[in-house]
């Protein structure tokens, strides 16, 4: 995998909100795959790689933040809609 590209700080807020509220998410990856899972937390390794930790029907998994294309909360009470993360530009749908 290539060197980790940091995610814009403003976009971290959406990930933190999703984790704080344990939102179920539709997660879209830059490779075109997608899955549904519950947001748990984020973590940063000593080498500065950043990950989103999730729990799905097949257990827990981590996704490196620069591999995220978009997240969409599946909760009707979510505080935000689809957030595109892939191009490091905040494009939030209501």
PDB file of N, CA and C in Angstrom:
ATOM      1  N   UNK A   1       0.861  -1.184   0.000  1.00  0.00           N
ATOM      2  CA  UNK A   1       0.000   0.000   0.000  1.00  0.00           C
ATOM      3  C   UNK A   1       0.898   1.236   0.000  1.00  0.00           C
ATOM      4  N   UNK A   2       0.462   2.275  -0.676  1.00  0.00           N
ATOM      5  CA  UNK A   2       1.248   3.498  -0.770  1.00  0.00           C
ATOM      6  C   UNK A   2       1.305   4.247   0.556  1.00  0.00           C
ATOM      7  N   UNK A   3       2.177   5.227   0.615  1.00  0.00           N
ATOM      8  CA  UNK A   3       2.330   6.053   1.811  1.00  0.00           C
ATOM      9  C   UNK A   3       0.995   6.712   2.159  1.00  0.00           C
ATOM     10  N   UNK A   4       0.685   6.756   3.435  1.00  0.00           N
ATOM     11  CA  UNK A   4      -0.593   7.300   3.903  1.00  0.00           C
ATOM     12  C   UNK A   4      -0.672   8.805   3.660  1.00  0.00           C
ATOM     13  N   UNK A   5      -1.762   9.224   3.035  1.00  0.00           N
ATOM     14  CA  UNK A   5      -2.020  10.642   2.810  1.00  0.00           C
ATOM     15  C   UNK A   5      -2.958  11.139   3.903  1.00  0.00           C
ATOM     16  N   UNK A   6      -2.578  12.167   4.655  1.00  0.00           N
ATOM     17  CA  UNK A   6      -3.439  12.637   5.745  1.00  0.00           C
ATOM     18  C   UNK A   6      -4.754  13.215   5.233  1.00  0.00           C
ATOM     19  N   UNK A   7      -5.779  13.008   6.016  1.00  0.00           N
ATOM     20  CA  UNK A   7      -7.108  13.526   5.710  1.00  0.00           C
ATOM     21  C   UNK A   7      -7.212  14.943   6.248  1.00  0.00           C
ATOM     22  N   UNK A   8      -7.891  15.823   5.513  1.00  0.00           N
ATOM     23  CA  UNK A   8      -8.097  17.185   5.989  1.00  0.00           C
ATOM     24  C   UNK A   8      -8.715  17.172   7.380  1.00  0.00           C
ATOM     25  N   UNK A   9      -8.243  18.041   8.238  1.00  0.00           N
ATOM     26  CA  UNK A   9      -8.706  18.090   9.626  1.00  0.00           C
ATOM     27  C   UNK A   9     -10.209  18.311   9.732  1.00  0.00           C
ATOM     28  N   UNK A  10     -10.772  19.138   8.862  1.00  0.00           N
ATOM     29  CA  UNK A  10     -12.211  19.407   8.908  1.00  0.00           C
ATOM     30  C   UNK A  10     -13.031  18.133   8.719  1.00  0.00           C
ATOM     31  N   UNK A  11     -12.516  17.212   7.908  1.00  0.00           N
ATOM     32  CA  UNK A  11     -13.241  15.979   7.633  1.00  0.00           C
ATOM     33  C   UNK A  11     -13.187  15.008   8.815  1.00  0.00           C
ATOM     34  N   UNK A  12     -12.169  15.147   9.646  1.00  0.00           N
ATOM     35  CA  UNK A  12     -12.070  14.309  10.848  1.00  0.00           C
ATOM     36  C   UNK A  12     -13.294  14.504  11.742  1.00  0.00           C
ATOM     37  N   UNK A  13     -13.837  15.702  11.767  1.00  0.00           N
ATOM     38  CA  UNK A  13     -15.001  15.981  12.620  1.00  0.00           C
ATOM     39  C   UNK A  13     -16.152  15.029  12.313  1.00  0.00           C
ATOM     40  N   UNK A  14     -16.397  14.759  11.033  1.00  0.00           N
ATOM     41  CA  UNK A  14     -17.485  13.859  10.662  1.00  0.00           C
ATOM     42  C   UNK A  14     -17.221  12.438  11.153  1.00  0.00           C
ATOM     43  N   UNK A  15     -15.976  12.003  11.054  1.00  0.00           N
ATOM     44  CA  UNK A  15     -15.628  10.669  11.549  1.00  0.00           C
ATOM     45  C   UNK A  15     -15.795  10.592  13.063  1.00  0.00           C
ATOM     46  N   UNK A  16     -15.368  11.634  13.756  1.00  0.00           N
ATOM     47  CA  UNK A  16     -15.493  11.646  15.218  1.00  0.00           C
ATOM     48  C   UNK A  16     -16.954  11.658  15.659  1.00  0.00           C
ATOM     49  N   UNK A  17     -17.800  12.413  14.956  1.00  0.00           N
ATOM     50  CA  UNK A  17     -19.234  12.430  15.269  1.00  0.00           C
ATOM     51  C   UNK A  17     -19.827  11.043  15.029  1.00  0.00           C
ATOM     52  N   UNK A  18     -19.466  10.426  13.913  1.00  0.00           N
ATOM     53  CA  UNK A  18     -19.977   9.086  13.604  1.00  0.00           C
ATOM     54  C   UNK A  18     -19.581   8.091  14.689  1.00  0.00           C
ATOM     55  N   UNK A  19     -18.357   8.192  15.182  1.00  0.00           N
ATOM     56  CA  UNK A  19     -17.892   7.293  16.238  1.00  0.00           C
ATOM     57  C   UNK A  19     -18.565   7.616  17.572  1.00  0.00           C
ATOM     58  N   UNK A  20     -18.670   8.880  17.901  1.00  0.00           N
ATOM     59  CA  UNK A  20     -19.265   9.294  19.165  1.00  0.00           C
ATOM     60  C   UNK A  20     -20.703   8.804  19.287  1.00  0.00           C
ATOM     61  N   UNK A  21     -21.432   8.812  18.172  1.00  0.00           N
ATOM     62  CA  UNK A  21     -22.832   8.385  18.170  1.00  0.00           C
ATOM     63  C   UNK A  21     -22.999   6.932  17.720  1.00  0.00           C
ATOM     64  N   UNK A  22     -21.868   6.259  17.452  1.00  0.00           N
ATOM     65  CA  UNK A  22     -21.877   4.853  17.003  1.00  0.00           C
ATOM     66  C   UNK A  22     -22.818   4.648  15.817  1.00  0.00           C
ATOM     67  N   UNK A  23     -22.746   5.573  14.848  1.00  0.00           N
ATOM     68  CA  UNK A  23     -23.608   5.488  13.679  1.00  0.00           C
ATOM     69  C   UNK A  23     -23.335   4.218  12.864  1.00  0.00           C
ATOM     70  N   UNK A  24     -24.393   3.596  12.387  1.00  0.00           N
ATOM     71  CA  UNK A  24     -24.194   2.614  11.322  1.00  0.00           C
ATOM     72  C   UNK A  24     -23.900   3.414  10.047  1.00  0.00           C
ATOM     73  N   UNK A  25     -22.933   2.953   9.275  1.00  0.00           N
ATOM     74  CA  UNK A  25     -22.491   3.693   8.089  1.00  0.00           C
ATOM     75  C   UNK A  25     -22.505   2.813   6.851  1.00  0.00           C
ATOM     76  N   UNK A  26     -22.735   3.443   5.711  1.00  0.00           N
ATOM     77  CA  UNK A  26     -22.353   2.838   4.439  1.00  0.00           C
ATOM     78  C   UNK A  26     -20.976   3.414   4.152  1.00  0.00           C
ATOM     79  N   UNK A  27     -20.002   2.561   3.987  1.00  0.00           N
ATOM     80  CA  UNK A  27     -18.621   2.972   3.769  1.00  0.00           C
ATOM     81  C   UNK A  27     -18.250   2.657   2.324  1.00  0.00           C
ATOM     82  N   UNK A  28     -17.814   3.677   1.591  1.00  0.00           N
ATOM     83  CA  UNK A  28     -17.378   3.512   0.208  1.00  0.00           C
ATOM     84  C   UNK A  28     -15.868   3.706   0.171  1.00  0.00           C
ATOM     85  N   UNK A  29     -15.174   2.780  -0.461  1.00  0.00           N
ATOM     86  CA  UNK A  29     -13.718   2.844  -0.547  1.00  0.00           C
ATOM     87  C   UNK A  29     -13.270   3.302  -1.923  1.00  0.00           C
ATOM     88  N   UNK A  30     -12.054   3.819  -2.010  1.00  0.00           N
ATOM     89  CA  UNK A  30     -11.542   4.339  -3.279  1.00  0.00           C
ATOM     90  C   UNK A  30     -11.389   3.236  -4.329  1.00  0.00           C
ATOM     91  N   UNK A  31     -11.312   1.963  -3.912  1.00  0.00           N
ATOM     92  CA  UNK A  31     -11.201   0.865  -4.879  1.00  0.00           C
ATOM     93  C   UNK A  31     -12.548   0.467  -5.470  1.00  0.00           C
ATOM     94  N   UNK A  32     -13.637   1.179  -5.075  1.00  0.00           N
ATOM     95  CA  UNK A  32     -14.961   0.905  -5.615  1.00  0.00           C
ATOM     96  C   UNK A  32     -15.813  -0.026  -4.762  1.00  0.00           C
ATOM     97  N   UNK A  33     -15.225  -0.662  -3.754  1.00  0.00           N
ATOM     98  CA  UNK A  33     -16.012  -1.543  -2.891  1.00  0.00           C
ATOM     99  C   UNK A  33     -16.740  -0.727  -1.831  1.00  0.00           C
ATOM    100  N   UNK A  34     -17.762  -1.345  -1.256  1.00  0.00           N
ATOM    101  CA  UNK A  34     -18.484  -0.688  -0.168  1.00  0.00           C
ATOM    102  C   UNK A  34     -19.047  -1.745   0.762  1.00  0.00           C
ATOM    103  N   UNK A  35     -19.344  -1.323   1.994  1.00  0.00           N
ATOM    104  CA  UNK A  35     -19.908  -2.224   2.988  1.00  0.00           C
ATOM    105  C   UNK A  35     -20.606  -1.381   4.043  1.00  0.00           C
ATOM    106  N   UNK A  36     -21.356  -2.052   4.912  1.00  0.00           N
ATOM    107  CA  UNK A  36     -22.030  -1.378   6.018  1.00  0.00           C
ATOM    108  C   UNK A  36     -21.414  -1.851   7.320  1.00  0.00           C
ATOM    109  N   UNK A  37     -21.216  -0.905   8.250  1.00  0.00           N
ATOM    110  CA  UNK A  37     -20.635  -1.228   9.547  1.00  0.00           C
ATOM    111  C   UNK A  37     -20.885  -0.078  10.512  1.00  0.00           C
ATOM    112  N   UNK A  38     -20.740  -0.368  11.781  1.00  0.00           N
ATOM    113  CA  UNK A  38     -20.907   0.638  12.834  1.00  0.00           C
ATOM    114  C   UNK A  38     -19.562   1.307  13.116  1.00  0.00           C
ATOM    115  N   UNK A  39     -19.573   2.636  13.176  1.00  0.00           N
ATOM    116  CA  UNK A  39     -18.362   3.392  13.495  1.00  0.00           C
ATOM    117  C   UNK A  39     -18.015   3.195  14.970  1.00  0.00           C
ATOM    118  N   UNK A  40     -16.751   2.887  15.262  1.00  0.00           N
ATOM    119  CA  UNK A  40     -16.311   2.681  16.634  1.00  0.00           C
ATOM    120  C   UNK A  40     -15.392   3.786  17.129  1.00  0.00           C
ATOM    121  N   UNK A  41     -14.252   3.949  16.463  1.00  0.00           N
ATOM    122  CA  UNK A  41     -13.276   4.954  16.882  1.00  0.00           C
ATOM    123  C   UNK A  41     -12.274   5.177  15.751  1.00  0.00           C
ATOM    124  N   UNK A  42     -11.427   6.162  15.934  1.00  0.00           N
ATOM    125  CA  UNK A  42     -10.306   6.383  15.020  1.00  0.00           C
ATOM    126  C   UNK A  42      -9.022   6.162  15.806  1.00  0.00           C
ATOM    127  N   UNK A  43      -7.965   5.856  15.084  1.00  0.00           N
ATOM    128  CA  UNK A  43      -6.667   5.701  15.752  1.00  0.00           C
ATOM    129  C   UNK A  43      -5.556   6.105  14.797  1.00  0.00           C
ATOM    130  N   UNK A  44      -4.453   6.519  15.384  1.00  0.00           N
ATOM    131  CA  UNK A  44      -3.265   6.910  14.626  1.00  0.00           C
ATOM    132  C   UNK A  44      -2.099   6.061  15.107  1.00  0.00           C
ATOM    133  N   UNK A  45      -1.374   5.484  14.182  1.00  0.00           N
ATOM    134  CA  UNK A  45      -0.215   4.663  14.522  1.00  0.00           C
ATOM    135  C   UNK A  45       0.989   5.561  14.794  1.00  0.00           C
ATOM    136  N   UNK A  46       2.045   5.013  15.405  1.00  0.00           N
ATOM    137  CA  UNK A  46       3.258   5.809  15.613  1.00  0.00           C
ATOM    138  C   UNK A  46       3.858   6.346  14.309  1.00  0.00           C
ATOM    139  N   UNK A  47       3.588   5.658  13.188  1.00  0.00           N
ATOM    140  CA  UNK A  47       4.106   6.122  11.893  1.00  0.00           C
ATOM    141  C   UNK A  47       3.139   7.089  11.203  1.00  0.00           C
ATOM    142  N   UNK A  48       2.118   7.559  11.965  1.00  0.00           N
ATOM    143  CA  UNK A  48       1.163   8.587  11.513  1.00  0.00           C
ATOM    144  C   UNK A  48       0.131   8.091  10.504  1.00  0.00           C
ATOM    145  N   UNK A  49      -0.059   6.781  10.394  1.00  0.00           N
ATOM    146  CA  UNK A  49      -1.158   6.271   9.586  1.00  0.00           C
ATOM    147  C   UNK A  49      -2.429   6.384  10.413  1.00  0.00           C
ATOM    148  N   UNK A  50      -3.516   6.818   9.766  1.00  0.00           N
ATOM    149  CA  UNK A  50      -4.783   7.033  10.469  1.00  0.00           C
ATOM    150  C   UNK A  50      -5.809   6.008   9.998  1.00  0.00           C
ATOM    151  N   UNK A  51      -6.583   5.470  10.954  1.00  0.00           N
ATOM    152  CA  UNK A  51      -7.554   4.417  10.669  1.00  0.00           C
ATOM    153  C   UNK A  51      -8.900   4.717  11.296  1.00  0.00           C
ATOM    154  N   UNK A  52      -9.960   4.251  10.633  1.00  0.00           N
ATOM    155  CA  UNK A  52     -11.303   4.225  11.188  1.00  0.00           C
ATOM    156  C   UNK A  52     -11.577   2.780  11.564  1.00  0.00           C
ATOM    157  N   UNK A  53     -11.954   2.560  12.825  1.00  0.00           N
ATOM    158  CA  UNK A  53     -12.287   1.219  13.281  1.00  0.00           C
ATOM    159  C   UNK A  53     -13.803   1.055  13.234  1.00  0.00           C
ATOM    160  N   UNK A  54     -14.235  -0.083  12.697  1.00  0.00           N
ATOM    161  CA  UNK A  54     -15.650  -0.349  12.446  1.00  0.00           C
ATOM    162  C   UNK A  54     -16.008  -1.762  12.890  1.00  0.00           C
ATOM    163  N   UNK A  55     -17.299  -1.966  13.159  1.00  0.00           N
ATOM    164  CA  UNK A  55     -17.794  -3.306  13.477  1.00  0.00           C
ATOM    165  C   UNK A  55     -18.928  -3.636  12.514  1.00  0.00           C
ATOM    166  N   UNK A  56     -18.740  -4.718  11.772  1.00  0.00           N
ATOM    167  CA  UNK A  56     -19.762  -5.176  10.835  1.00  0.00           C
ATOM    168  C   UNK A  56     -20.248  -6.557  11.210  1.00  0.00           C
ATOM    169  N   UNK A  57     -21.058  -7.141  10.361  1.00  0.00           N
ATOM    170  CA  UNK A  57     -21.582  -8.476  10.631  1.00  0.00           C
ATOM    171  C   UNK A  57     -20.484  -9.530  10.638  1.00  0.00           C
ATOM    172  N   UNK A  58     -19.374  -9.235   9.959  1.00  0.00           N
ATOM    173  CA  UNK A  58     -18.255 -10.177   9.914  1.00  0.00           C
ATOM    174  C   UNK A  58     -17.159  -9.835  10.923  1.00  0.00           C
ATOM    175  N   UNK A  59     -17.456  -8.991  11.905  1.00  0.00           N
ATOM    176  CA  UNK A  59     -16.496  -8.642  12.950  1.00  0.00           C
ATOM    177  C   UNK A  59     -15.947  -7.233  12.784  1.00  0.00           C
ATOM    178  N   UNK A  60     -14.884  -6.963  13.539  1.00  0.00           N
ATOM    179  CA  UNK A  60     -14.265  -5.638  13.501  1.00  0.00           C
ATOM    180  C   UNK A  60     -13.227  -5.564  12.398  1.00  0.00           C
ATOM    181  N   UNK A  61     -13.091  -4.355  11.846  1.00  0.00           N
ATOM    182  CA  UNK A  61     -12.075  -4.109  10.826  1.00  0.00           C
ATOM    183  C   UNK A  61     -11.631  -2.668  10.899  1.00  0.00           C
ATOM    184  N   UNK A  62     -10.497  -2.404  10.293  1.00  0.00           N
ATOM    185  CA  UNK A  62      -9.956  -1.044  10.213  1.00  0.00           C
ATOM    186  C   UNK A  62      -9.814  -0.668   8.748  1.00  0.00           C
ATOM    187  N   UNK A  63     -10.044   0.606   8.472  1.00  0.00           N
ATOM    188  CA  UNK A  63      -9.834   1.134   7.130  1.00  0.00           C
ATOM    189  C   UNK A  63      -8.940   2.356   7.268  1.00  0.00           C
ATOM    190  N   UNK A  64      -7.852   2.347   6.505  1.00  0.00           N
ATOM    191  CA  UNK A  64      -6.980   3.519   6.517  1.00  0.00           C
ATOM    192  C   UNK A  64      -7.749   4.694   5.932  1.00  0.00           C
ATOM    193  N   UNK A  65      -7.659   5.849   6.579  1.00  0.00           N
ATOM    194  CA  UNK A  65      -8.504   6.988   6.200  1.00  0.00           C
ATOM    195  C   UNK A  65      -8.323   7.423   4.759  1.00  0.00           C
ATOM    196  N   UNK A  66      -7.132   7.294   4.216  1.00  0.00           N
ATOM    197  CA  UNK A  66      -6.942   7.722   2.826  1.00  0.00           C
ATOM    198  C   UNK A  66      -7.519   6.711   1.826  1.00  0.00           C
ATOM    199  N   UNK A  67      -8.076   5.604   2.318  1.00  0.00           N
ATOM    200  CA  UNK A  67      -8.745   4.631   1.454  1.00  0.00           C
ATOM    201  C   UNK A  67     -10.260   4.839   1.433  1.00  0.00           C
ATOM    202  N   UNK A  68     -10.753   5.787   2.251  1.00  0.00           N
ATOM    203  CA  UNK A  68     -12.180   6.103   2.292  1.00  0.00           C
ATOM    204  C   UNK A  68     -12.542   7.048   1.152  1.00  0.00           C
ATOM    205  N   UNK A  69     -13.562   6.684   0.399  1.00  0.00           N
ATOM    206  CA  UNK A  69     -14.106   7.591  -0.614  1.00  0.00           C
ATOM    207  C   UNK A  69     -15.219   8.426   0.002  1.00  0.00           C
ATOM    208  N   UNK A  70     -16.130   7.751   0.754  1.00  0.00           N
ATOM    209  CA  UNK A  70     -17.261   8.458   1.361  1.00  0.00           C
ATOM    210  C   UNK A  70     -17.835   7.622   2.494  1.00  0.00           C
ATOM    211  N   UNK A  71     -18.503   8.314   3.414  1.00  0.00           N
ATOM    212  CA  UNK A  71     -19.289   7.647   4.448  1.00  0.00           C
ATOM    213  C   UNK A  71     -20.692   8.248   4.420  1.00  0.00           C
ATOM    214  N   UNK A  72     -21.687   7.395   4.664  1.00  0.00           N
ATOM    215  CA  UNK A  72     -23.074   7.840   4.736  1.00  0.00           C
ATOM    216  C   UNK A  72     -23.702   7.237   5.981  1.00  0.00           C
ATOM    217  N   UNK A  73     -24.126   8.066   6.937  1.00  0.00           N
ATOM    218  CA  UNK A  73     -24.813   7.521   8.108  1.00  0.00           C
ATOM    219  C   UNK A  73     -26.149   6.899   7.693  1.00  0.00           C
ATOM    220  N   UNK A  74     -26.470   5.758   8.274  1.00  0.00           N
ATOM    221  CA  UNK A  74     -27.718   5.071   7.964  1.00  0.00           C
ATOM    222  C   UNK A  74     -28.771   5.309   9.038  1.00  0.00           C
ATOM    223  N   UNK A  75     -28.460   6.154  10.008  1.00  0.00           N
ATOM    224  CA  UNK A  75     -29.391   6.505  11.071  1.00  0.00           C
ATOM    225  C   UNK A  75     -30.247   7.691  10.647  1.00  0.00           C
ATOM    226  N   UNK A  76     -31.547   7.606  10.879  1.00  0.00           N
ATOM    227  CA  UNK A  76     -32.454   8.709  10.552  1.00  0.00           C
ATOM    228  C   UNK A  76     -32.156   9.944  11.394  1.00  0.00           C
ATOM    229  N   UNK A  77     -31.522   9.756  12.523  1.00  0.00           N
ATOM    230  CA  UNK A  77     -31.217  10.876  13.426  1.00  0.00           C
ATOM    231  C   UNK A  77     -29.800  11.421  13.251  1.00  0.00           C
ATOM    232  N   UNK A  78     -29.126  11.011  12.206  1.00  0.00           N
ATOM    233  CA  UNK A  78     -27.751  11.447  11.989  1.00  0.00           C
ATOM    234  C   UNK A  78     -27.668  12.963  11.828  1.00  0.00           C
ATOM    235  N   UNK A  79     -26.559  13.523  12.259  1.00  0.00           N
ATOM    236  CA  UNK A  79     -26.331  14.966  12.210  1.00  0.00           C
ATOM    237  C   UNK A  79     -25.780  15.435  10.859  1.00  0.00           C
ATOM    238  N   UNK A  80     -25.494  14.497   9.979  1.00  0.00           N
ATOM    239  CA  UNK A  80     -24.985  14.847   8.653  1.00  0.00           C
ATOM    240  C   UNK A  80     -25.381  13.750   7.674  1.00  0.00           C
ATOM    241  N   UNK A  81     -25.259  14.052   6.383  1.00  0.00           N
ATOM    242  CA  UNK A  81     -25.550  13.082   5.332  1.00  0.00           C
ATOM    243  C   UNK A  81     -24.256  12.516   4.775  1.00  0.00           C
ATOM    244  N   UNK A  82     -24.270  12.156   3.509  1.00  0.00           N
ATOM    245  CA  UNK A  82     -23.084  11.571   2.868  1.00  0.00           C
ATOM    246  C   UNK A  82     -21.948  12.588   2.866  1.00  0.00           C
ATOM    247  N   UNK A  83     -20.771  12.120   3.241  1.00  0.00           N
ATOM    248  CA  UNK A  83     -19.578  12.967   3.250  1.00  0.00           C
ATOM    249  C   UNK A  83     -18.539  12.313   2.344  1.00  0.00           C
ATOM    250  N   UNK A  84     -18.109  13.045   1.325  1.00  0.00           N
ATOM    251  CA  UNK A  84     -17.068  12.556   0.426  1.00  0.00           C
ATOM    252  C   UNK A  84     -15.712  12.901   1.012  1.00  0.00           C
ATOM    253  N   UNK A  85     -14.901  11.888   1.187  1.00  0.00           N
ATOM    254  CA  UNK A  85     -13.593  12.065   1.818  1.00  0.00           C
ATOM    255  C   UNK A  85     -12.450  11.846   0.826  1.00  0.00           C
ATOM    256  N   UNK A  86     -12.706  11.169  -0.257  1.00  0.00           N
ATOM    257  CA  UNK A  86     -11.682  10.693  -1.176  1.00  0.00           C
ATOM    258  C   UNK A  86     -10.769  11.742  -1.749  1.00  0.00           C
ATOM    259  N   UNK A  87     -11.276  12.919  -2.045  1.00  0.00           N
ATOM    260  CA  UNK A  87     -10.438  13.956  -2.647  1.00  0.00           C
ATOM    261  C   UNK A  87     -10.003  15.009  -1.639  1.00  0.00           C
ATOM    262  N   UNK A  88     -10.158  14.706  -0.350  1.00  0.00           N
ATOM    263  CA  UNK A  88      -9.775  15.598   0.743  1.00  0.00           C
ATOM    264  C   UNK A  88     -10.516  16.928   0.675  1.00  0.00           C
ATOM    265  N   UNK A  89     -11.614  16.977  -0.088  1.00  0.00           N
ATOM    266  CA  UNK A  89     -12.433  18.186  -0.183  1.00  0.00           C
ATOM    267  C   UNK A  89     -13.765  17.888   0.461  1.00  0.00           C
ATOM    268  N   UNK A  90     -14.194  18.728   1.343  1.00  0.00           N
ATOM    269  CA  UNK A  90     -15.435  18.480   2.052  1.00  0.00           C
ATOM    270  C   UNK A  90     -16.622  18.764   1.156  1.00  0.00           C
ATOM    271  N   UNK A  91     -17.331  17.705   0.771  1.00  0.00           N
ATOM    272  CA  UNK A  91     -18.554  17.840  -0.030  1.00  0.00           C
ATOM    273  C   UNK A  91     -19.641  17.102   0.719  1.00  0.00           C
ATOM    274  N   UNK A  92     -20.409  17.803   1.510  1.00  0.00           N
ATOM    275  CA  UNK A  92     -21.403  17.193   2.383  1.00  0.00           C
ATOM    276  C   UNK A  92     -22.784  17.316   1.771  1.00  0.00           C
ATOM    277  N   UNK A  93     -23.479  16.190   1.694  1.00  0.00           N
ATOM    278  CA  UNK A  93     -24.869  16.193   1.229  1.00  0.00           C
ATOM    279  C   UNK A  93     -25.786  16.296   2.440  1.00  0.00           C
ATOM    280  N   UNK A  94     -26.879  17.041   2.316  1.00  0.00           N
ATOM    281  CA  UNK A  94     -27.808  17.178   3.461  1.00  0.00           C
ATOM    282  C   UNK A  94     -28.514  15.878   3.776  1.00  0.00           C
TER     283      UNK A  94
END
